[in-house]
Amino acid sequence: MWGGPDTIYVSLMGQKVYVRVYGCDDSSGYTLHWESPHKLTVTYSACRPYPSRPGDYSVAESDPVQQMLRSWNDIEIGYKDSGHVATQ
């Protein structure tokens, strides 16, 4: 990405509950789904950088999750891998 990776976050009432550095500009693997008024599911994606060697398409280890709360106030927060892998 131009200028380096971005940060994706989910915020509830101004409180960040999920924060991840994400080096791809395709964020289509991320969704939020309210299962009920007290249960939120965050679906996340992976980023695959351009290969440094031909054929090397491993998922980036450099997109760390900085915060992943499992609950906030009376809301349960679940996380699910979308299986989507974006390319830089």
PDB file of N, CA and C in Angstrom:
ATOM      1  N   MET A   1       0.845  -1.170   0.000  1.00  0.00           N
ATOM      2  CA  MET A   1       0.000   0.000   0.000  1.00  0.00           C
ATOM      3  C   MET A   1       0.888   1.230   0.000  1.00  0.00           C
ATOM      4  N   TRP A   2       0.401   2.274  -0.566  1.00  0.00           N
ATOM      5  CA  TRP A   2       1.153   3.518  -0.563  1.00  0.00           C
ATOM      6  C   TRP A   2       1.285   4.015   0.863  1.00  0.00           C
ATOM      7  N   GLY A   3       2.503   4.246   1.285  1.00  0.00           N
ATOM      8  CA  GLY A   3       2.724   4.792   2.616  1.00  0.00           C
ATOM      9  C   GLY A   3       2.680   3.765   3.727  1.00  0.00           C
ATOM     10  N   GLY A   4       2.571   2.477   3.422  1.00  0.00           N
ATOM     11  CA  GLY A   4       2.612   1.455   4.458  1.00  0.00           C
ATOM     12  C   GLY A   4       1.249   0.920   4.819  1.00  0.00           C
ATOM     13  N   PRO A   5       1.210   0.002   5.763  1.00  0.00           N
ATOM     14  CA  PRO A   5      -0.054  -0.646   6.137  1.00  0.00           C
ATOM     15  C   PRO A   5      -1.007   0.288   6.871  1.00  0.00           C
ATOM     16  N   ASP A   6      -2.271  -0.066   6.816  1.00  0.00           N
ATOM     17  CA  ASP A   6      -3.317   0.647   7.544  1.00  0.00           C
ATOM     18  C   ASP A   6      -3.661  -0.118   8.802  1.00  0.00           C
ATOM     19  N   THR A   7      -4.510   0.475   9.615  1.00  0.00           N
ATOM     20  CA  THR A   7      -5.015  -0.197  10.799  1.00  0.00           C
ATOM     21  C   THR A   7      -6.521  -0.336  10.654  1.00  0.00           C
ATOM     22  N   ILE A   8      -6.998  -1.561  10.817  1.00  0.00           N
ATOM     23  CA  ILE A   8      -8.438  -1.831  10.800  1.00  0.00           C
ATOM     24  C   ILE A   8      -8.874  -1.960  12.245  1.00  0.00           C
ATOM     25  N   TYR A   9      -9.973  -1.310  12.599  1.00  0.00           N
ATOM     26  CA  TYR A   9     -10.467  -1.472  13.971  1.00  0.00           C
ATOM     27  C   TYR A   9     -11.982  -1.462  14.009  1.00  0.00           C
ATOM     28  N   VAL A  10     -12.498  -2.109  15.064  1.00  0.00           N
ATOM     29  CA  VAL A  10     -13.929  -2.113  15.368  1.00  0.00           C
ATOM     30  C   VAL A  10     -14.080  -1.367  16.678  1.00  0.00           C
ATOM     31  N   SER A  11     -14.997  -0.433  16.694  1.00  0.00           N
ATOM     32  CA  SER A  11     -15.194   0.412  17.865  1.00  0.00           C
ATOM     33  C   SER A  11     -16.654   0.343  18.305  1.00  0.00           C
ATOM     34  N   LEU A  12     -16.879   0.176  19.607  1.00  0.00           N
ATOM     35  CA  LEU A  12     -18.224   0.218  20.184  1.00  0.00           C
ATOM     36  C   LEU A  12     -18.282   1.405  21.135  1.00  0.00           C
ATOM     37  N   MET A  13     -19.120   2.352  20.796  1.00  0.00           N
ATOM     38  CA  MET A  13     -19.288   3.553  21.629  1.00  0.00           C
ATOM     39  C   MET A  13     -17.938   4.215  21.928  1.00  0.00           C
ATOM     40  N   GLY A  14     -17.075   4.280  20.915  1.00  0.00           N
ATOM     41  CA  GLY A  14     -15.778   4.935  21.056  1.00  0.00           C
ATOM     42  C   GLY A  14     -14.676   4.060  21.638  1.00  0.00           C
ATOM     43  N   GLN A  15     -14.995   2.866  22.108  1.00  0.00           N
ATOM     44  CA  GLN A  15     -14.009   1.938  22.684  1.00  0.00           C
ATOM     45  C   GLN A  15     -13.587   0.942  21.610  1.00  0.00           C
ATOM     46  N   LYS A  16     -12.298   0.913  21.282  1.00  0.00           N
ATOM     47  CA  LYS A  16     -11.811  -0.043  20.293  1.00  0.00           C
ATOM     48  C   LYS A  16     -11.777  -1.437  20.903  1.00  0.00           C
ATOM     49  N   VAL A  17     -12.463  -2.381  20.240  1.00  0.00           N
ATOM     50  CA  VAL A  17     -12.518  -3.758  20.743  1.00  0.00           C
ATOM     51  C   VAL A  17     -11.686  -4.703  19.882  1.00  0.00           C
ATOM     52  N   TYR A  18     -11.384  -4.302  18.636  1.00  0.00           N
ATOM     53  CA  TYR A  18     -10.549  -5.097  17.735  1.00  0.00           C
ATOM     54  C   TYR A  18      -9.656  -4.138  16.961  1.00  0.00           C
ATOM     55  N   VAL A  19      -8.354  -4.388  16.995  1.00  0.00           N
ATOM     56  CA  VAL A  19      -7.402  -3.539  16.283  1.00  0.00           C
ATOM     57  C   VAL A  19      -6.377  -4.447  15.619  1.00  0.00           C
ATOM     58  N   ARG A  20      -6.165  -4.249  14.308  1.00  0.00           N
ATOM     59  CA  ARG A  20      -5.185  -5.046  13.580  1.00  0.00           C
ATOM     60  C   ARG A  20      -4.504  -4.191  12.523  1.00  0.00           C
ATOM     61  N   VAL A  21      -3.190  -4.315  12.440  1.00  0.00           N
ATOM     62  CA  VAL A  21      -2.444  -3.714  11.346  1.00  0.00           C
ATOM     63  C   VAL A  21      -2.682  -4.603  10.136  1.00  0.00           C
ATOM     64  N   TYR A  22      -3.025  -4.002   8.994  1.00  0.00           N
ATOM     65  CA  TYR A  22      -3.411  -4.783   7.816  1.00  0.00           C
ATOM     66  C   TYR A  22      -2.730  -4.187   6.594  1.00  0.00           C
ATOM     67  N   GLY A  23      -1.879  -4.967   5.945  1.00  0.00           N
ATOM     68  CA  GLY A  23      -1.058  -4.477   4.845  1.00  0.00           C
ATOM     69  C   GLY A  23      -1.673  -4.587   3.468  1.00  0.00           C
ATOM     70  N   CYS A  24      -2.926  -4.981   3.362  1.00  0.00           N
ATOM     71  CA  CYS A  24      -3.587  -5.082   2.052  1.00  0.00           C
ATOM     72  C   CYS A  24      -4.685  -4.034   1.952  1.00  0.00           C
ATOM     73  N   ASP A  25      -4.963  -3.604   0.724  1.00  0.00           N
ATOM     74  CA  ASP A  25      -6.041  -2.615   0.576  1.00  0.00           C
ATOM     75  C   ASP A  25      -7.390  -3.263   0.293  1.00  0.00           C
ATOM     76  N   ASP A  26      -7.440  -4.590   0.185  1.00  0.00           N
ATOM     77  CA  ASP A  26      -8.691  -5.324   0.000  1.00  0.00           C
ATOM     78  C   ASP A  26      -9.197  -5.773   1.374  1.00  0.00           C
ATOM     79  N   SER A  27     -10.194  -5.090   1.872  1.00  0.00           N
ATOM     80  CA  SER A  27     -10.736  -5.435   3.195  1.00  0.00           C
ATOM     81  C   SER A  27     -12.081  -6.153   3.072  1.00  0.00           C
ATOM     82  N   SER A  28     -12.370  -6.752   1.907  1.00  0.00           N
ATOM     83  CA  SER A  28     -13.666  -7.388   1.686  1.00  0.00           C
ATOM     84  C   SER A  28     -13.872  -8.639   2.540  1.00  0.00           C
ATOM     85  N   GLY A  29     -12.820  -9.171   3.140  1.00  0.00           N
ATOM     86  CA  GLY A  29     -12.957 -10.330   4.017  1.00  0.00           C
ATOM     87  C   GLY A  29     -13.387  -9.975   5.422  1.00  0.00           C
ATOM     88  N   TYR A  30     -13.557  -8.691   5.703  1.00  0.00           N
ATOM     89  CA  TYR A  30     -13.974  -8.223   7.030  1.00  0.00           C
ATOM     90  C   TYR A  30     -15.457  -7.907   7.026  1.00  0.00           C
ATOM     91  N   THR A  31     -16.184  -8.460   7.994  1.00  0.00           N
ATOM     92  CA  THR A  31     -17.596  -8.126   8.167  1.00  0.00           C
ATOM     93  C   THR A  31     -17.935  -8.105   9.652  1.00  0.00           C
ATOM     94  N   LEU A  32     -19.010  -7.426   9.969  1.00  0.00           N
ATOM     95  CA  LEU A  32     -19.576  -7.410  11.326  1.00  0.00           C
ATOM     96  C   LEU A  32     -20.987  -7.954  11.230  1.00  0.00           C
ATOM     97  N   HIS A  33     -21.344  -8.822  12.167  1.00  0.00           N
ATOM     98  CA  HIS A  33     -22.698  -9.378  12.171  1.00  0.00           C
ATOM     99  C   HIS A  33     -23.212  -9.427  13.605  1.00  0.00           C
ATOM    100  N   TRP A  34     -24.331  -8.753  13.844  1.00  0.00           N
ATOM    101  CA  TRP A  34     -24.972  -8.809  15.155  1.00  0.00           C
ATOM    102  C   TRP A  34     -25.860 -10.050  15.185  1.00  0.00           C
ATOM    103  N   GLU A  35     -25.470 -11.038  15.987  1.00  0.00           N
ATOM    104  CA  GLU A  35     -26.255 -12.264  16.149  1.00  0.00           C
ATOM    105  C   GLU A  35     -27.495 -11.990  16.998  1.00  0.00           C
ATOM    106  N   SER A  36     -27.326 -11.084  17.959  1.00  0.00           N
ATOM    107  CA  SER A  36     -28.404 -10.655  18.852  1.00  0.00           C
ATOM    108  C   SER A  36     -27.967  -9.301  19.416  1.00  0.00           C
ATOM    109  N   PRO A  37     -28.816  -8.639  20.201  1.00  0.00           N
ATOM    110  CA  PRO A  37     -28.402  -7.358  20.773  1.00  0.00           C
ATOM    111  C   PRO A  37     -27.180  -7.452  21.690  1.00  0.00           C
ATOM    112  N   HIS A  38     -26.834  -8.664  22.125  1.00  0.00           N
ATOM    113  CA  HIS A  38     -25.714  -8.826  23.050  1.00  0.00           C
ATOM    114  C   HIS A  38     -24.619  -9.735  22.507  1.00  0.00           C
ATOM    115  N   LYS A  39     -24.634  -9.999  21.197  1.00  0.00           N
ATOM    116  CA  LYS A  39     -23.602 -10.858  20.613  1.00  0.00           C
ATOM    117  C   LYS A  39     -23.210 -10.346  19.229  1.00  0.00           C
ATOM    118  N   LEU A  40     -21.926 -10.003  19.089  1.00  0.00           N
ATOM    119  CA  LEU A  40     -21.358  -9.493  17.845  1.00  0.00           C
ATOM    120  C   LEU A  40     -20.313 -10.474  17.334  1.00  0.00           C
ATOM    121  N   THR A  41     -20.334 -10.755  16.023  1.00  0.00           N
ATOM    122  CA  THR A  41     -19.302 -11.581  15.410  1.00  0.00           C
ATOM    123  C   THR A  41     -18.517 -10.723  14.430  1.00  0.00           C
ATOM    124  N   VAL A  42     -17.199 -10.716  14.609  1.00  0.00           N
ATOM    125  CA  VAL A  42     -16.280 -10.025  13.712  1.00  0.00           C
ATOM    126  C   VAL A  42     -15.628 -11.090  12.841  1.00  0.00           C
ATOM    127  N   THR A  43     -15.841 -11.001  11.546  1.00  0.00           N
ATOM    128  CA  THR A  43     -15.191 -11.916  10.611  1.00  0.00           C
ATOM    129  C   THR A  43     -14.001 -11.176  10.021  1.00  0.00           C
ATOM    130  N   TYR A  44     -12.842 -11.832  10.043  1.00  0.00           N
ATOM    131  CA  TYR A  44     -11.610 -11.166   9.616  1.00  0.00           C
ATOM    132  C   TYR A  44     -10.963 -11.904   8.453  1.00  0.00           C
ATOM    133  N   SER A  45      -9.986 -11.257   7.854  1.00  0.00           N
ATOM    134  CA  SER A  45      -9.319 -11.740   6.659  1.00  0.00           C
ATOM    135  C   SER A  45      -7.812 -11.782   6.882  1.00  0.00           C
ATOM    136  N   ALA A  46      -7.104 -12.400   5.961  1.00  0.00           N
ATOM    137  CA  ALA A  46      -5.643 -12.425   6.002  1.00  0.00           C
ATOM    138  C   ALA A  46      -5.107 -11.623   4.821  1.00  0.00           C
ATOM    139  N   CYS A  47      -3.857 -11.218   4.928  1.00  0.00           N
ATOM    140  CA  CYS A  47      -3.202 -10.467   3.869  1.00  0.00           C
ATOM    141  C   CYS A  47      -2.026 -11.287   3.346  1.00  0.00           C
ATOM    142  N   ARG A  48      -1.971 -11.484   2.043  1.00  0.00           N
ATOM    143  CA  ARG A  48      -0.843 -12.186   1.422  1.00  0.00           C
ATOM    144  C   ARG A  48      -0.009 -11.151   0.673  1.00  0.00           C
ATOM    145  N   PRO A  49       1.209 -10.917   1.112  1.00  0.00           N
ATOM    146  CA  PRO A  49       2.047  -9.923   0.436  1.00  0.00           C
ATOM    147  C   PRO A  49       2.517 -10.445  -0.915  1.00  0.00           C
ATOM    148  N   TYR A  50       2.970  -9.526  -1.767  1.00  0.00           N
ATOM    149  CA  TYR A  50       3.602  -9.959  -3.009  1.00  0.00           C
ATOM    150  C   TYR A  50       4.779 -10.848  -2.653  1.00  0.00           C
ATOM    151  N   PRO A  51       5.021 -11.888  -3.426  1.00  0.00           N
ATOM    152  CA  PRO A  51       6.099 -12.820  -3.072  1.00  0.00           C
ATOM    153  C   PRO A  51       7.480 -12.171  -3.171  1.00  0.00           C
ATOM    154  N   SER A  52       8.322 -12.475  -2.188  1.00  0.00           N
ATOM    155  CA  SER A  52       9.695 -12.006  -2.247  1.00  0.00           C
ATOM    156  C   SER A  52      10.514 -12.923  -3.150  1.00  0.00           C
ATOM    157  N   ARG A  53      10.042 -14.176  -3.266  1.00  0.00           N
ATOM    158  CA  ARG A  53      10.649 -15.149  -4.185  1.00  0.00           C
ATOM    159  C   ARG A  53       9.523 -15.719  -5.031  1.00  0.00           C
ATOM    160  N   PRO A  54       9.790 -16.054  -6.288  1.00  0.00           N
ATOM    161  CA  PRO A  54       8.733 -16.647  -7.124  1.00  0.00           C
ATOM    162  C   PRO A  54       8.093 -17.861  -6.438  1.00  0.00           C
ATOM    163  N   GLY A  55       6.762 -17.874  -6.406  1.00  0.00           N
ATOM    164  CA  GLY A  55       6.040 -18.997  -5.819  1.00  0.00           C
ATOM    165  C   GLY A  55       5.832 -18.906  -4.318  1.00  0.00           C
ATOM    166  N   ASP A  56       6.406 -17.915  -3.656  1.00  0.00           N
ATOM    167  CA  ASP A  56       6.267 -17.766  -2.201  1.00  0.00           C
ATOM    168  C   ASP A  56       5.075 -16.863  -1.906  1.00  0.00           C
ATOM    169  N   TYR A  57       3.933 -17.471  -1.619  1.00  0.00           N
ATOM    170  CA  TYR A  57       2.720 -16.702  -1.340  1.00  0.00           C
ATOM    171  C   TYR A  57       2.207 -16.977   0.069  1.00  0.00           C
ATOM    172  N   SER A  58       3.096 -17.023   1.047  1.00  0.00           N
ATOM    173  CA  SER A  58       2.661 -17.275   2.413  1.00  0.00           C
ATOM    174  C   SER A  58       1.912 -16.064   2.952  1.00  0.00           C
ATOM    175  N   VAL A  59       0.993 -16.314   3.855  1.00  0.00           N
ATOM    176  CA  VAL A  59       0.206 -15.233   4.468  1.00  0.00           C
ATOM    177  C   VAL A  59       1.116 -14.418   5.375  1.00  0.00           C
ATOM    178  N   ALA A  60       0.936 -13.124   5.338  1.00  0.00           N
ATOM    179  CA  ALA A  60       1.800 -12.217   6.102  1.00  0.00           C
ATOM    180  C   ALA A  60       1.691 -12.467   7.593  1.00  0.00           C
ATOM    181  N   GLU A  61       2.826 -12.638   8.219  1.00  0.00           N
ATOM    182  CA  GLU A  61       2.883 -12.745   9.678  1.00  0.00           C
ATOM    183  C   GLU A  61       3.011 -11.349  10.284  1.00  0.00           C
ATOM    184  N   SER A  62       3.208 -10.360   9.416  1.00  0.00           N
ATOM    185  CA  SER A  62       3.490  -9.020   9.905  1.00  0.00           C
ATOM    186  C   SER A  62       2.247  -8.161  10.070  1.00  0.00           C
ATOM    187  N   ASP A  63       1.071  -8.751  10.013  1.00  0.00           N
ATOM    188  CA  ASP A  63      -0.176  -8.006  10.217  1.00  0.00           C
ATOM    189  C   ASP A  63      -0.746  -8.364  11.585  1.00  0.00           C
ATOM    190  N   PRO A  64      -0.097  -7.899  12.639  1.00  0.00           N
ATOM    191  CA  PRO A  64      -0.476  -8.359  13.975  1.00  0.00           C
ATOM    192  C   PRO A  64      -1.810  -7.808  14.469  1.00  0.00           C
ATOM    193  N   VAL A  65      -2.487  -8.640  15.248  1.00  0.00           N
ATOM    194  CA  VAL A  65      -3.669  -8.202  15.972  1.00  0.00           C
ATOM    195  C   VAL A  65      -3.167  -7.509  17.228  1.00  0.00           C
ATOM    196  N   GLN A  66      -3.550  -6.266  17.420  1.00  0.00           N
ATOM    197  CA  GLN A  66      -3.088  -5.503  18.574  1.00  0.00           C
ATOM    198  C   GLN A  66      -4.075  -5.545  19.730  1.00  0.00           C
ATOM    199  N   GLN A  67      -5.330  -5.775  19.418  1.00  0.00           N
ATOM    200  CA  GLN A  67      -6.347  -5.865  20.470  1.00  0.00           C
ATOM    201  C   GLN A  67      -7.492  -6.722  19.973  1.00  0.00           C
ATOM    202  N   MET A  68      -7.971  -7.629  20.830  1.00  0.00           N
ATOM    203  CA  MET A  68      -9.086  -8.500  20.470  1.00  0.00           C
ATOM    204  C   MET A  68      -9.858  -8.813  21.748  1.00  0.00           C
ATOM    205  N   LEU A  69     -10.784  -7.922  22.116  1.00  0.00           N
ATOM    206  CA  LEU A  69     -11.583  -8.142  23.316  1.00  0.00           C
ATOM    207  C   LEU A  69     -12.650  -9.184  23.043  1.00  0.00           C
ATOM    208  N   ARG A  70     -12.895 -10.051  24.001  1.00  0.00           N
ATOM    209  CA  ARG A  70     -13.922 -11.099  23.871  1.00  0.00           C
ATOM    210  C   ARG A  70     -15.270 -10.634  24.413  1.00  0.00           C
ATOM    211  N   SER A  71     -15.254  -9.535  25.154  1.00  0.00           N
ATOM    212  CA  SER A  71     -16.505  -8.960  25.640  1.00  0.00           C
ATOM    213  C   SER A  71     -16.295  -7.474  25.890  1.00  0.00           C
ATOM    214  N   TRP A  72     -17.396  -6.759  25.843  1.00  0.00           N
ATOM    215  CA  TRP A  72     -17.389  -5.330  26.136  1.00  0.00           C
ATOM    216  C   TRP A  72     -18.737  -5.005  26.759  1.00  0.00           C
ATOM    217  N   ASN A  73     -18.697  -4.466  27.984  1.00  0.00           N
ATOM    218  CA  ASN A  73     -19.921  -4.250  28.753  1.00  0.00           C
ATOM    219  C   ASN A  73     -20.731  -5.544  28.768  1.00  0.00           C
ATOM    220  N   ASP A  74     -21.958  -5.552  28.255  1.00  0.00           N
ATOM    221  CA  ASP A  74     -22.751  -6.787  28.260  1.00  0.00           C
ATOM    222  C   ASP A  74     -22.820  -7.430  26.873  1.00  0.00           C
ATOM    223  N   ILE A  75     -21.826  -7.127  26.020  1.00  0.00           N
ATOM    224  CA  ILE A  75     -21.796  -7.670  24.663  1.00  0.00           C
ATOM    225  C   ILE A  75     -20.685  -8.708  24.545  1.00  0.00           C
ATOM    226  N   GLU A  76     -21.048  -9.905  24.092  1.00  0.00           N
ATOM    227  CA  GLU A  76     -20.080 -10.964  23.815  1.00  0.00           C
ATOM    228  C   GLU A  76     -19.573 -10.760  22.389  1.00  0.00           C
ATOM    229  N   ILE A  77     -18.253 -10.827  22.196  1.00  0.00           N
ATOM    230  CA  ILE A  77     -17.664 -10.614  20.873  1.00  0.00           C
ATOM    231  C   ILE A  77     -16.955 -11.885  20.437  1.00  0.00           C
ATOM    232  N   GLY A  78     -17.386 -12.429  19.303  1.00  0.00           N
ATOM    233  CA  GLY A  78     -16.763 -13.621  18.741  1.00  0.00           C
ATOM    234  C   GLY A  78     -16.005 -13.267  17.479  1.00  0.00           C
ATOM    235  N   TYR A  79     -15.020 -14.080  17.130  1.00  0.00           N
ATOM    236  CA  TYR A  79     -14.190 -13.824  15.961  1.00  0.00           C
ATOM    237  C   TYR A  79     -14.159 -15.061  15.076  1.00  0.00           C
ATOM    238  N   LYS A  80     -14.201 -14.842  13.762  1.00  0.00           N
ATOM    239  CA  LYS A  80     -14.228 -15.949  12.818  1.00  0.00           C
ATOM    240  C   LYS A  80     -13.362 -15.600  11.611  1.00  0.00           C
ATOM    241  N   ASP A  81     -12.522 -16.539  11.194  1.00  0.00           N
ATOM    242  CA  ASP A  81     -11.684 -16.359  10.005  1.00  0.00           C
ATOM    243  C   ASP A  81     -12.566 -16.530   8.768  1.00  0.00           C
ATOM    244  N   SER A  82     -12.561 -15.538   7.904  1.00  0.00           N
ATOM    245  CA  SER A  82     -13.397 -15.597   6.690  1.00  0.00           C
ATOM    246  C   SER A  82     -12.819 -16.558   5.650  1.00  0.00           C
ATOM    247  N   GLY A  83     -11.541 -16.893   5.781  1.00  0.00           N
ATOM    248  CA  GLY A  83     -10.891 -17.726   4.783  1.00  0.00           C
ATOM    249  C   GLY A  83     -10.425 -16.931   3.575  1.00  0.00           C
ATOM    250  N   HIS A  84     -10.800 -15.662   3.519  1.00  0.00           N
ATOM    251  CA  HIS A  84     -10.401 -14.793   2.414  1.00  0.00           C
ATOM    252  C   HIS A  84      -8.949 -14.356   2.623  1.00  0.00           C
ATOM    253  N   VAL A  85      -8.148 -14.456   1.571  1.00  0.00           N
ATOM    254  CA  VAL A  85      -6.764 -13.993   1.643  1.00  0.00           C
ATOM    255  C   VAL A  85      -6.581 -12.950   0.548  1.00  0.00           C
ATOM    256  N   ALA A  86      -6.347 -11.719   0.948  1.00  0.00           N
ATOM    257  CA  ALA A  86      -6.154 -10.618   0.007  1.00  0.00           C
ATOM    258  C   ALA A  86      -4.683 -10.577  -0.402  1.00  0.00           C
ATOM    259  N   THR A  87      -4.428  -9.966  -1.543  1.00  0.00           N
ATOM    260  CA  THR A  87      -3.056  -9.762  -2.017  1.00  0.00           C
ATOM    261  C   THR A  87      -2.804  -8.271  -2.072  1.00  0.00           C
ATOM    262  N   GLN A  88      -1.622  -7.878  -1.633  1.00  0.00           N
ATOM    263  CA  GLN A  88      -1.250  -6.465  -1.637  1.00  0.00           C
ATOM    264  C   GLN A  88      -1.307  -5.904  -3.027  1.00  0.00           C
TER     265      GLN A  88
END
